[in-house]
C-alpha atoms as a PDB file:
ATOM      1  CA  UNK A   1     137.943 -41.229  30.245  1.00  0.00           C
ATOM      2  CA  UNK A   2     137.139 -44.952  30.061  1.00  0.00           C
ATOM      3  CA  UNK A   3     139.639 -45.719  32.808  1.00  0.00           C
ATOM      4  CA  UNK A   4     138.184 -43.019  35.051  1.00  0.00           C
ATOM      5  CA  UNK A   5     134.680 -44.403  34.417  1.00  0.00           C
ATOM      6  CA  UNK A   6     135.708 -47.920  35.435  1.00  0.00           C
ATOM      7  CA  UNK A   7     137.500 -46.720  38.566  1.00  0.00           C
ATOM      8  CA  UNK A   8     134.502 -44.593  39.558  1.00  0.00           C
ATOM      9  CA  UNK A   9     131.998 -47.450  39.100  1.00  0.00           C
ATOM     10  CA  UNK A  10     134.164 -49.948  40.956  1.00  0.00           C
ATOM     11  CA  UNK A  11     134.961 -47.566  43.831  1.00  0.00           C
ATOM     12  CA  UNK A  12     131.340 -46.528  44.366  1.00  0.00           C
ATOM     13  CA  UNK A  13     130.138 -50.143  44.421  1.00  0.00           C
ATOM     14  CA  UNK A  14     132.942 -51.286  46.721  1.00  0.00           C
ATOM     15  CA  UNK A  15     132.290 -48.390  49.126  1.00  0.00           C
ATOM     16  CA  UNK A  16     128.610 -49.274  49.142  1.00  0.00           C
ATOM     17  CA  UNK A  17     129.365 -52.914  49.892  1.00  0.00           C
ATOM     18  CA  UNK A  18     131.609 -51.971  52.817  1.00  0.00           C
ATOM     19  CA  UNK A  19     128.589 -50.460  54.598  1.00  0.00           C
ATOM     20  CA  UNK A  20     126.971 -53.914  54.570  1.00  0.00           C
ATOM     21  CA  UNK A  21     130.172 -55.911  55.001  1.00  0.00           C
ATOM     22  CA  UNK A  22     128.762 -58.022  57.883  1.00  0.00           C
ATOM     23  CA  UNK A  23     126.136 -59.536  55.595  1.00  0.00           C
ATOM     24  CA  UNK A  24     128.192 -60.074  52.415  1.00  0.00           C
ATOM     25  CA  UNK A  25     130.674 -62.758  51.390  1.00  0.00           C
ATOM     26  CA  UNK A  26     134.208 -61.711  50.518  1.00  0.00           C
ATOM     27  CA  UNK A  27     133.828 -62.873  46.894  1.00  0.00           C
ATOM     28  CA  UNK A  28     131.186 -60.177  46.351  1.00  0.00           C
ATOM     29  CA  UNK A  29     134.045 -57.659  46.182  1.00  0.00           C
ATOM     30  CA  UNK A  30     135.799 -59.474  43.312  1.00  0.00           C
ATOM     31  CA  UNK A  31     133.891 -57.841  40.395  1.00  0.00           C
ATOM     32  CA  UNK A  32     134.468 -54.306  41.705  1.00  0.00           C
ATOM     33  CA  UNK A  33     138.157 -55.072  42.398  1.00  0.00           C
ATOM     34  CA  UNK A  34     138.599 -56.337  38.823  1.00  0.00           C
ATOM     35  CA  UNK A  35     136.920 -53.243  37.399  1.00  0.00           C
ATOM     36  CA  UNK A  36     139.088 -50.891  39.491  1.00  0.00           C
ATOM     37  CA  UNK A  37     142.250 -52.762  38.456  1.00  0.00           C
ATOM     38  CA  UNK A  38     141.225 -52.613  34.782  1.00  0.00           C
ATOM     39  CA  UNK A  39     140.616 -48.866  35.110  1.00  0.00           C
ATOM     40  CA  UNK A  40     144.135 -48.216  36.437  1.00  0.00           C
ATOM     41  CA  UNK A  41     145.668 -50.430  33.761  1.00  0.00           C
ATOM     42  CA  UNK A  42     143.900 -48.442  31.049  1.00  0.00           C
ATOM     43  CA  UNK A  43     145.646 -45.237  32.191  1.00  0.00           C
ATOM     44  CA  UNK A  44     149.049 -46.865  31.624  1.00  0.00           C
ATOM     45  CA  UNK A  45     148.034 -48.660  28.448  1.00  0.00           C
ATOM     46  CA  UNK A  46     146.853 -45.405  26.867  1.00  0.00           C
ATOM     47  CA  UNK A  47     150.503 -44.267  26.905  1.00  0.00           C
ATOM     48  CA  UNK A  48     151.482 -47.000  24.435  1.00  0.00           C
ATOM     49  CA  UNK A  49     148.701 -46.010  22.059  1.00  0.00           C
ATOM     50  CA  UNK A  50     149.502 -42.278  22.115  1.00  0.00           C
ATOM     51  CA  UNK A  51     153.277 -42.711  21.951  1.00  0.00           C
ATOM     52  CA  UNK A  52     153.022 -45.364  19.252  1.00  0.00           C
ATOM     53  CA  UNK A  53     150.777 -43.153  17.106  1.00  0.00           C
ATOM     54  CA  UNK A  54     153.122 -40.165  17.528  1.00  0.00           C
ATOM     55  CA  UNK A  55     156.239 -42.192  16.683  1.00  0.00           C
ATOM     56  CA  UNK A  56     154.446 -44.297  14.066  1.00  0.00           C
ATOM     57  CA  UNK A  57     155.710 -47.410  15.846  1.00  0.00           C
ATOM     58  CA  UNK A  58     153.887 -50.600  14.886  1.00  0.00           C
ATOM     59  CA  UNK A  59     155.459 -52.394  17.890  1.00  0.00           C
ATOM     60  CA  UNK A  60     153.978 -49.967  20.428  1.00  0.00           C
ATOM     61  CA  UNK A  61     150.591 -49.936  18.719  1.00  0.00           C
ATOM     62  CA  UNK A  62     150.499 -53.740  18.637  1.00  0.00           C
ATOM     63  CA  UNK A  63     151.442 -53.775  22.319  1.00  0.00           C
ATOM     64  CA  UNK A  64     148.595 -51.333  22.948  1.00  0.00           C
ATOM     65  CA  UNK A  65     146.163 -53.648  21.135  1.00  0.00           C
ATOM     66  CA  UNK A  66     147.435 -56.646  23.135  1.00  0.00           C
ATOM     67  CA  UNK A  67     146.953 -54.772  26.412  1.00  0.00           C
ATOM     68  CA  UNK A  68     143.405 -53.890  25.355  1.00  0.00           C
ATOM     69  CA  UNK A  69     142.737 -57.593  24.839  1.00  0.00           C
ATOM     70  CA  UNK A  70     143.945 -58.276  28.404  1.00  0.00           C
ATOM     71  CA  UNK A  71     141.740 -55.494  29.767  1.00  0.00           C
ATOM     72  CA  UNK A  72     138.800 -56.811  27.749  1.00  0.00           C
ATOM     73  CA  UNK A  73     139.340 -60.214  29.365  1.00  0.00           C
ATOM     74  CA  UNK A  74     139.287 -58.627  32.841  1.00  0.00           C
ATOM     75  CA  UNK A  75     136.056 -56.815  32.038  1.00  0.00           C
ATOM     76  CA  UNK A  76     134.407 -60.001  30.778  1.00  0.00           C
ATOM     77  CA  UNK A  77     135.523 -61.827  33.930  1.00  0.00           C
ATOM     78  CA  UNK A  78     134.100 -59.025  36.090  1.00  0.00           C
ATOM     79  CA  UNK A  79     130.782 -59.163  34.225  1.00  0.00           C
ATOM     80  CA  UNK A  80     130.579 -62.957  34.523  1.00  0.00           C
ATOM     81  CA  UNK A  81     131.480 -62.773  38.210  1.00  0.00           C
ATOM     82  CA  UNK A  82     128.748 -60.200  38.835  1.00  0.00           C
ATOM     83  CA  UNK A  83     126.199 -62.317  36.938  1.00  0.00           C
ATOM     84  CA  UNK A  84     127.089 -65.488  38.852  1.00  0.00           C
ATOM     85  CA  UNK A  85     126.972 -63.566  42.125  1.00  0.00           C
ATOM     86  CA  UNK A  86     123.318 -62.672  41.537  1.00  0.00           C
ATOM     87  CA  UNK A  87     122.351 -66.319  41.165  1.00  0.00           C
ATOM     88  CA  UNK A  88     122.504 -67.326  44.849  1.00  0.00           C
ATOM     89  CA  UNK A  89     122.301 -63.827  46.290  1.00  0.00           C
ATOM     90  CA  UNK A  90     119.043 -63.982  48.259  1.00  0.00           C
ATOM     91  CA  UNK A  91     119.822 -67.236  50.049  1.00  0.00           C
ATOM     92  CA  UNK A  92     123.367 -66.188  50.996  1.00  0.00           C
ATOM     93  CA  UNK A  93     122.503 -62.725  52.316  1.00  0.00           C
ATOM     94  CA  UNK A  94     119.462 -63.968  54.242  1.00  0.00           C
ATOM     95  CA  UNK A  95     121.566 -66.687  55.864  1.00  0.00           C
ATOM     96  CA  UNK A  96     124.330 -64.236  56.798  1.00  0.00           C
ATOM     97  CA  UNK A  97     121.857 -61.747  58.265  1.00  0.00           C
ATOM     98  CA  UNK A  98     120.137 -64.461  60.287  1.00  0.00           C
ATOM     99  CA  UNK A  99     123.486 -65.538  61.742  1.00  0.00           C
ATOM    100  CA  UNK A 100     124.356 -61.960  62.740  1.00  0.00           C
ATOM    101  CA  UNK A 101     120.870 -61.397  64.151  1.00  0.00           C
ATOM    102  CA  UNK A 102     120.940 -64.544  66.297  1.00  0.00           C
ATOM    103  CA  UNK A 103     124.429 -63.914  67.701  1.00  0.00           C
ATOM    104  CA  UNK A 104     123.958 -60.282  68.721  1.00  0.00           C
ATOM    105  CA  UNK A 105     122.268 -58.703  71.730  1.00  0.00           C
ATOM    106  CA  UNK A 106     118.980 -56.842  71.784  1.00  0.00           C
ATOM    107  CA  UNK A 107     120.539 -53.953  69.926  1.00  0.00           C
ATOM    108  CA  UNK A 108     123.093 -53.795  67.117  1.00  0.00           C
ATOM    109  CA  UNK A 109     124.811 -50.913  65.418  1.00  0.00           C
ATOM    110  CA  UNK A 110     125.058 -52.890  62.159  1.00  0.00           C
ATOM    111  CA  UNK A 111     121.312 -53.420  62.019  1.00  0.00           C
ATOM    112  CA  UNK A 112     120.654 -49.844  63.120  1.00  0.00           C
ATOM    113  CA  UNK A 113     122.526 -48.595  60.060  1.00  0.00           C
ATOM    114  CA  UNK A 114     120.817 -50.997  57.647  1.00  0.00           C
ATOM    115  CA  UNK A 115     117.334 -50.419  59.074  1.00  0.00           C
ATOM    116  CA  UNK A 116     117.621 -46.631  59.081  1.00  0.00           C
ATOM    117  CA  UNK A 117     119.266 -46.301  55.658  1.00  0.00           C
ATOM    118  CA  UNK A 118     117.211 -48.917  53.797  1.00  0.00           C
ATOM    119  CA  UNK A 119     113.939 -48.185  55.633  1.00  0.00           C
ATOM    120  CA  UNK A 120     113.419 -51.758  56.824  1.00  0.00           C
ATOM    121  CA  UNK A 121     113.080 -53.660  60.100  1.00  0.00           C
ATOM    122  CA  UNK A 122     114.415 -57.091  61.059  1.00  0.00           C
ATOM    123  CA  UNK A 123     115.745 -59.793  58.777  1.00  0.00           C
ATOM    124  CA  UNK A 124     112.318 -60.879  57.521  1.00  0.00           C
ATOM    125  CA  UNK A 125     110.248 -58.130  59.178  1.00  0.00           C
ATOM    126  CA  UNK A 126     109.479 -56.399  62.513  1.00  0.00           C
ATOM    127  CA  UNK A 127     108.331 -59.705  63.978  1.00  0.00           C
ATOM    128  CA  UNK A 128     111.975 -60.796  64.242  1.00  0.00           C
ATOM    129  CA  UNK A 129     112.611 -58.124  66.878  1.00  0.00           C
ATOM    130  CA  UNK A 130     109.379 -58.793  68.730  1.00  0.00           C
ATOM    131  CA  UNK A 131     110.253 -62.486  69.019  1.00  0.00           C
ATOM    132  CA  UNK A 132     113.863 -61.803  69.963  1.00  0.00           C
ATOM    133  CA  UNK A 133     113.085 -59.231  72.677  1.00  0.00           C
ATOM    134  CA  UNK A 134     109.718 -60.723  73.642  1.00  0.00           C
ATOM    135  CA  UNK A 135     108.299 -57.214  73.459  1.00  0.00           C
ATOM    136  CA  UNK A 136     106.067 -55.123  71.230  1.00  0.00           C
ATOM    137  CA  UNK A 137     108.583 -52.254  71.315  1.00  0.00           C
ATOM    138  CA  UNK A 138     110.916 -52.098  68.337  1.00  0.00           C
ATOM    139  CA  UNK A 139     114.445 -50.590  68.147  1.00  0.00           C
ATOM    140  CA  UNK A 140     114.529 -46.882  67.362  1.00  0.00           C
ATOM    141  CA  UNK A 141     116.160 -47.621  63.998  1.00  0.00           C
ATOM    142  CA  UNK A 142     112.936 -49.357  62.917  1.00  0.00           C
ATOM    143  CA  UNK A 143     110.972 -46.169  63.518  1.00  0.00           C
ATOM    144  CA  UNK A 144     110.197 -43.706  60.745  1.00  0.00           C
ATOM    145  CA  UNK A 145     112.197 -40.532  61.279  1.00  0.00           C
ATOM    146  CA  UNK A 146     115.110 -42.127  63.145  1.00  0.00           C
ATOM    147  CA  UNK A 147     118.479 -40.411  62.527  1.00  0.00           C
ATOM    148  CA  UNK A 148     121.291 -42.960  62.666  1.00  0.00           C
ATOM    149  CA  UNK A 149     124.058 -40.381  62.877  1.00  0.00           C
ATOM    150  CA  UNK A 150     122.411 -38.389  65.663  1.00  0.00           C
ATOM    151  CA  UNK A 151     121.286 -41.540  67.487  1.00  0.00           C
ATOM    152  CA  UNK A 152     117.849 -40.130  68.236  1.00  0.00           C
ATOM    153  CA  UNK A 153     115.629 -42.138  70.581  1.00  0.00           C
ATOM    154  CA  UNK A 154     112.154 -42.928  69.231  1.00  0.00           C
ATOM    155  CA  UNK A 155     109.552 -45.396  70.464  1.00  0.00           C
ATOM    156  CA  UNK A 156     107.467 -47.391  68.039  1.00  0.00           C
ATOM    157  CA  UNK A 157     105.921 -50.838  67.753  1.00  0.00           C
ATOM    158  CA  UNK A 158     102.616 -52.604  68.229  1.00  0.00           C
ATOM    159  CA  UNK A 159     100.586 -50.494  70.655  1.00  0.00           C
ATOM    160  CA  UNK A 160      99.605 -46.916  71.257  1.00  0.00           C
ATOM    161  CA  UNK A 161     102.619 -45.290  69.619  1.00  0.00           C
ATOM    162  CA  UNK A 162     102.388 -42.123  67.555  1.00  0.00           C
ATOM    163  CA  UNK A 163     105.418 -43.072  65.429  1.00  0.00           C
ATOM    164  CA  UNK A 164     105.039 -45.641  62.678  1.00  0.00           C
ATOM    165  CA  UNK A 165     107.676 -48.248  61.867  1.00  0.00           C
ATOM    166  CA  UNK A 166     109.098 -49.893  58.778  1.00  0.00           C
ATOM    167  CA  UNK A 167     107.595 -53.224  57.766  1.00  0.00           C
ATOM    168  CA  UNK A 168     109.898 -54.170  54.870  1.00  0.00           C
ATOM    169  CA  UNK A 169     112.359 -57.044  55.226  1.00  0.00           C
ATOM    170  CA  UNK A 170     115.975 -55.893  55.530  1.00  0.00           C
ATOM    171  CA  UNK A 171     117.143 -59.079  53.803  1.00  0.00           C
ATOM    172  CA  UNK A 172     115.034 -58.232  50.759  1.00  0.00           C
ATOM    173  CA  UNK A 173     116.275 -54.633  50.761  1.00  0.00           C
ATOM    174  CA  UNK A 174     119.946 -55.639  50.922  1.00  0.00           C
ATOM    175  CA  UNK A 175     119.439 -58.278  48.217  1.00  0.00           C
ATOM    176  CA  UNK A 176     117.785 -55.710  45.959  1.00  0.00           C
ATOM    177  CA  UNK A 177     120.576 -53.208  46.565  1.00  0.00           C
ATOM    178  CA  UNK A 178     123.380 -55.672  45.837  1.00  0.00           C
ATOM    179  CA  UNK A 179     121.499 -57.064  42.826  1.00  0.00           C
ATOM    180  CA  UNK A 180     121.072 -53.581  41.342  1.00  0.00           C
ATOM    181  CA  UNK A 181     124.732 -52.699  41.864  1.00  0.00           C
ATOM    182  CA  UNK A 182     125.770 -56.012  40.282  1.00  0.00           C
ATOM    183  CA  UNK A 183     123.553 -55.192  37.302  1.00  0.00           C
ATOM    184  CA  UNK A 184     125.132 -51.720  37.098  1.00  0.00           C
ATOM    185  CA  UNK A 185     128.611 -53.234  37.201  1.00  0.00           C
ATOM    186  CA  UNK A 186     127.726 -55.786  34.524  1.00  0.00           C
ATOM    187  CA  UNK A 187     126.213 -53.143  32.250  1.00  0.00           C
ATOM    188  CA  UNK A 188     129.193 -50.835  32.711  1.00  0.00           C
ATOM    189  CA  UNK A 189     131.688 -53.631  32.009  1.00  0.00           C
ATOM    190  CA  UNK A 190     129.837 -54.697  28.838  1.00  0.00           C
ATOM    191  CA  UNK A 191     129.598 -51.114  27.520  1.00  0.00           C
ATOM    192  CA  UNK A 192     133.275 -50.450  28.168  1.00  0.00           C
ATOM    193  CA  UNK A 193     134.179 -53.834  26.657  1.00  0.00           C
ATOM    194  CA  UNK A 194     132.371 -52.785  23.474  1.00  0.00           C
ATOM    195  CA  UNK A 195     134.508 -49.621  23.375  1.00  0.00           C
ATOM    196  CA  UNK A 196     137.613 -51.754  23.946  1.00  0.00           C
ATOM    197  CA  UNK A 197     136.724 -53.967  20.972  1.00  0.00           C
ATOM    198  CA  UNK A 198     136.467 -50.878  18.755  1.00  0.00           C
ATOM    199  CA  UNK A 199     139.810 -49.687  20.143  1.00  0.00           C
ATOM    200  CA  UNK A 200     141.444 -53.028  19.308  1.00  0.00           C
ATOM    201  CA  UNK A 201     140.092 -52.930  15.738  1.00  0.00           C
ATOM    202  CA  UNK A 202     141.295 -49.359  15.133  1.00  0.00           C
ATOM    203  CA  UNK A 203     144.679 -50.131  16.691  1.00  0.00           C
ATOM    204  CA  UNK A 204     145.169 -53.006  14.273  1.00  0.00           C
ATOM    205  CA  UNK A 205     144.038 -50.875  11.334  1.00  0.00           C
ATOM    206  CA  UNK A 206     146.436 -48.105  12.367  1.00  0.00           C
ATOM    207  CA  UNK A 207     149.278 -50.604  12.731  1.00  0.00           C
ATOM    208  CA  UNK A 208     148.631 -52.028   9.260  1.00  0.00           C
ATOM    209  CA  UNK A 209     148.405 -48.533   7.756  1.00  0.00           C
ATOM    210  CA  UNK A 210     151.705 -47.450   9.324  1.00  0.00           C
ATOM    211  CA  UNK A 211     153.373 -50.666   8.145  1.00  0.00           C
ATOM    212  CA  UNK A 212     152.052 -50.096   4.614  1.00  0.00           C
ATOM    213  CA  UNK A 213     153.317 -46.509   4.573  1.00  0.00           C
ATOM    214  CA  UNK A 214     156.748 -47.613   5.787  1.00  0.00           C
ATOM    215  CA  UNK A 215     156.936 -50.304   3.108  1.00  0.00           C
ATOM    216  CA  UNK A 216     155.961 -47.793   0.410  1.00  0.00           C
ATOM    217  CA  UNK A 217     158.658 -45.409   1.655  1.00  0.00           C
ATOM    218  CA  UNK A 218     161.255 -48.187   1.540  1.00  0.00           C
ATOM    219  CA  UNK A 219     160.206 -49.124  -2.000  1.00  0.00           C
ATOM    220  CA  UNK A 220     160.407 -45.490  -3.127  1.00  0.00           C
ATOM    221  CA  UNK A 221     163.829 -45.107  -1.516  1.00  0.00           C
ATOM    222  CA  UNK A 222     165.045 -48.293  -3.223  1.00  0.00           C
ATOM    223  CA  UNK A 223     163.745 -47.082  -6.607  1.00  0.00           C
ATOM    224  CA  UNK A 224     165.505 -43.739  -6.182  1.00  0.00           C
ATOM    225  CA  UNK A 225     168.710 -45.519  -5.217  1.00  0.00           C
ATOM    226  CA  UNK A 226     168.507 -47.736  -8.295  1.00  0.00           C
ATOM    227  CA  UNK A 227     167.830 -44.720 -10.530  1.00  0.00           C
ATOM    228  CA  UNK A 228     170.836 -42.879  -9.131  1.00  0.00           C
ATOM    229  CA  UNK A 229     172.996 -45.991  -9.529  1.00  0.00           C
ATOM    230  CA  UNK A 230     171.809 -46.426 -13.135  1.00  0.00           C
ATOM    231  CA  UNK A 231     172.588 -42.791 -13.920  1.00  0.00           C
ATOM    232  CA  UNK A 232     176.065 -43.152 -12.443  1.00  0.00           C
ATOM    233  CA  UNK A 233     176.743 -46.294 -14.521  1.00  0.00           C
ATOM    234  CA  UNK A 234     175.342 -44.659 -17.647  1.00  0.00           C
ATOM    235  CA  UNK A 235     177.474 -41.593 -17.124  1.00  0.00           C
ATOM    236  CA  UNK A 236     180.595 -43.671 -16.553  1.00  0.00           C
ATOM    237  CA  UNK A 237     179.892 -45.713 -19.714  1.00  0.00           C
ATOM    238  CA  UNK A 238     179.432 -42.591 -21.827  1.00  0.00           C
ATOM    239  CA  UNK A 239     182.665 -41.060 -20.489  1.00  0.00           C
ATOM    240  CA  UNK A 240     184.545 -44.287 -21.333  1.00  0.00           C
ATOM    241  CA  UNK A 241     183.215 -44.344 -24.902  1.00  0.00           C
ATOM    242  CA  UNK A 242     184.151 -40.695 -25.312  1.00  0.00           C
ATOM    243  CA  UNK A 243     187.734 -41.296 -24.185  1.00  0.00           C
ATOM    244  CA  UNK A 244     188.012 -44.310 -26.580  1.00  0.00           C
ATOM    245  CA  UNK A 245     186.907 -42.189 -29.531  1.00  0.00           C
ATOM    246  CA  UNK A 246     189.469 -39.515 -28.712  1.00  0.00           C
ATOM    247  CA  UNK A 247     192.186 -42.157 -28.452  1.00  0.00           C
ATOM    248  CA  UNK A 248     191.294 -43.638 -31.869  1.00  0.00           C
ATOM    249  CA  UNK A 249     191.244 -40.189 -33.430  1.00  0.00           C
ATOM    250  CA  UNK A 250     194.689 -39.336 -32.036  1.00  0.00           C
ATOM    251  CA  UNK A 251     196.148 -42.646 -33.291  1.00  0.00           C
ATOM    252  CA  UNK A 252     194.827 -42.014 -36.809  1.00  0.00           C
ATOM    253  CA  UNK A 253     196.287 -38.522 -36.869  1.00  0.00           C
ATOM    254  CA  UNK A 254     199.701 -39.817 -35.814  1.00  0.00           C
ATOM    255  CA  UNK A 255     199.814 -42.458 -38.538  1.00  0.00           C
ATOM    256  CA  UNK A 256     198.927 -39.851 -41.133  1.00  0.00           C
END
């Protein structure tokens, strides 16, 4: 269950980032990649825990605990990476979007998607398009009601247009989206890490309990072996004394 949760969180965030790949740095994918990897590892690690508990093997259970420590380290690294990523997020995304905006033509499919899905217009606002095109008419993706997948054509901008347009900054919207997903990833990693710590503690307790039971069984077996050995020696001693008495009795009878 924990592994499936990590894989789901990491996959959703990575898929979301791919939609805005032109504006994000490659290192933004690192936290989600770490979480996905940790999720797959958990599925394999769980085998050691289950098999070790069934076979009462302290070696397998200790290996399970060690693997949980490794996974815990990956989760902490993912959380720290997500936290550090949020530090310089606004400046980086704004710079990347400005570069894409300056190097493209008067229309861009990447900005059409962002503007229609995040309900925004331009890097800093609609004025970016008006300056770039030297016109009061905005791209259709800036208009309220635009369908990106159907590529509907709508006119909007400053003037006598019946359709209103978005005024929010796309840079701010993308920053907020990535920041929220980073917070979600950090929260998920910390919660799962807490579960992993509990799992490590219980694994060690189970290993110690199994070792104690095995030692007690060995002690009991040794005591039984010593008891049996003592009984055998005692029986042999009694049989020897009995034969000696018979021998003495027979010798006395002969002399008489």
